[in-house]
Amino acid sequence: MRVQKLTYVEPTVVAKMRSIINCQKPEVIQSHFGIGLNTWVKLREGKAIRHSVAVRLLQRLQRDEVI
């Protein structure tokens, strides 16, 4: 069994993400950030997420000029 590598996302990045959405419905989170609600909850709580998801998320945020 392969162990998943986990990564923390900077709290300032999460704060910027939170500031650009008007609600926290799953479809809003998915359309803005490309992540599921469970991942969003982990980010809000300061928990680590899968490394591959974090990389994809940060690339998307850079592309969309959020960070």
C-alpha atoms as a PDB file:
ATOM      1  CA  MET A   1       0.000   0.000   0.000  1.00  0.00           C
ATOM      2  CA  ARG A   2       1.305   3.403  -0.974  1.00  0.00           C
ATOM      3  CA  VAL A   3       1.450   6.131   1.665  1.00  0.00           C
ATOM      4  CA  GLN A   4      -0.075   9.427   0.511  1.00  0.00           C
ATOM      5  CA  LYS A   5       2.148  12.486   0.802  1.00  0.00           C
ATOM      6  CA  LEU A   6       0.319  15.326   2.556  1.00  0.00           C
ATOM      7  CA  THR A   7       0.858  19.067   2.177  1.00  0.00           C
ATOM      8  CA  TYR A   8      -0.303  22.087   4.139  1.00  0.00           C
ATOM      9  CA  VAL A   9      -1.570  25.162   2.287  1.00  0.00           C
ATOM     10  CA  GLU A  10      -0.579  28.532   3.745  1.00  0.00           C
ATOM     11  CA  PRO A  11      -3.340  30.108   5.865  1.00  0.00           C
ATOM     12  CA  THR A  12      -2.985  33.361   3.884  1.00  0.00           C
ATOM     13  CA  VAL A  13      -3.818  31.456   0.677  1.00  0.00           C
ATOM     14  CA  VAL A  14      -6.880  29.907   2.299  1.00  0.00           C
ATOM     15  CA  ALA A  15      -7.960  33.364   3.514  1.00  0.00           C
ATOM     16  CA  LYS A  16      -7.688  34.732  -0.034  1.00  0.00           C
ATOM     17  CA  MET A  17      -9.708  31.786  -1.315  1.00  0.00           C
ATOM     18  CA  ARG A  18     -12.383  32.408   1.279  1.00  0.00           C
ATOM     19  CA  SER A  19     -12.577  36.093   0.340  1.00  0.00           C
ATOM     20  CA  ILE A  20     -13.456  35.410  -3.315  1.00  0.00           C
ATOM     21  CA  ILE A  21     -16.423  33.098  -2.767  1.00  0.00           C
ATOM     22  CA  ASN A  22     -19.863  34.277  -1.708  1.00  0.00           C
ATOM     23  CA  CYS A  23     -20.954  30.981  -0.121  1.00  0.00           C
ATOM     24  CA  GLN A  24     -19.500  27.598   0.713  1.00  0.00           C
ATOM     25  CA  LYS A  25     -21.819  25.323  -1.227  1.00  0.00           C
ATOM     26  CA  PRO A  26     -20.087  22.304  -2.779  1.00  0.00           C
ATOM     27  CA  GLU A  27     -20.825  23.440  -6.333  1.00  0.00           C
ATOM     28  CA  VAL A  28     -19.338  26.894  -5.665  1.00  0.00           C
ATOM     29  CA  ILE A  29     -16.171  25.415  -4.155  1.00  0.00           C
ATOM     30  CA  GLN A  30     -15.828  22.982  -7.057  1.00  0.00           C
ATOM     31  CA  SER A  31     -16.357  25.613  -9.756  1.00  0.00           C
ATOM     32  CA  HIS A  32     -13.979  28.172  -8.224  1.00  0.00           C
ATOM     33  CA  PHE A  33     -11.184  25.927  -6.986  1.00  0.00           C
ATOM     34  CA  GLY A  34     -11.660  22.479  -8.497  1.00  0.00           C
ATOM     35  CA  ILE A  35     -11.747  20.792  -5.081  1.00  0.00           C
ATOM     36  CA  GLY A  36     -14.424  18.966  -3.136  1.00  0.00           C
ATOM     37  CA  LEU A  37     -16.139  20.091   0.020  1.00  0.00           C
ATOM     38  CA  ASN A  38     -14.150  17.686   2.221  1.00  0.00           C
ATOM     39  CA  THR A  39     -10.877  19.157   0.947  1.00  0.00           C
ATOM     40  CA  TRP A  40     -12.214  22.674   1.524  1.00  0.00           C
ATOM     41  CA  VAL A  41     -13.129  21.803   5.118  1.00  0.00           C
ATOM     42  CA  LYS A  42      -9.606  20.443   5.699  1.00  0.00           C
ATOM     43  CA  LEU A  43      -8.096  23.643   4.290  1.00  0.00           C
ATOM     44  CA  ARG A  44     -10.309  25.846   6.472  1.00  0.00           C
ATOM     45  CA  GLU A  45      -9.322  23.835   9.538  1.00  0.00           C
ATOM     46  CA  GLY A  46      -5.605  24.135   8.721  1.00  0.00           C
ATOM     47  CA  LYS A  47      -5.216  20.421   8.030  1.00  0.00           C
ATOM     48  CA  ALA A  48      -2.998  18.856   5.394  1.00  0.00           C
ATOM     49  CA  ILE A  49      -4.418  17.695   2.063  1.00  0.00           C
ATOM     50  CA  ARG A  50      -3.057  15.263  -0.516  1.00  0.00           C
ATOM     51  CA  HIS A  51       0.064  16.680  -2.130  1.00  0.00           C
ATOM     52  CA  SER A  52      -1.229  16.116  -5.667  1.00  0.00           C
ATOM     53  CA  VAL A  53      -4.425  18.038  -4.862  1.00  0.00           C
ATOM     54  CA  ALA A  54      -2.435  20.884  -3.282  1.00  0.00           C
ATOM     55  CA  VAL A  55      -0.196  21.182  -6.353  1.00  0.00           C
ATOM     56  CA  ARG A  56      -3.177  21.246  -8.704  1.00  0.00           C
ATOM     57  CA  LEU A  57      -4.997  23.769  -6.499  1.00  0.00           C
ATOM     58  CA  LEU A  58      -2.024  26.136  -6.257  1.00  0.00           C
ATOM     59  CA  GLN A  59      -1.468  25.958 -10.017  1.00  0.00           C
ATOM     60  CA  ARG A  60      -5.114  26.840 -10.594  1.00  0.00           C
ATOM     61  CA  LEU A  61      -4.964  29.727  -8.121  1.00  0.00           C
ATOM     62  CA  GLN A  62      -1.845  31.098  -9.830  1.00  0.00           C
ATOM     63  CA  ARG A  63      -3.451  30.743 -13.255  1.00  0.00           C
ATOM     64  CA  ASP A  64      -6.539  32.597 -12.043  1.00  0.00           C
ATOM     65  CA  GLU A  65      -4.283  35.196 -10.341  1.00  0.00           C
ATOM     66  CA  VAL A  66      -5.745  34.579  -6.898  1.00  0.00           C
ATOM     67  CA  ILE A  67      -2.267  34.222  -5.404  1.00  0.00           C
END
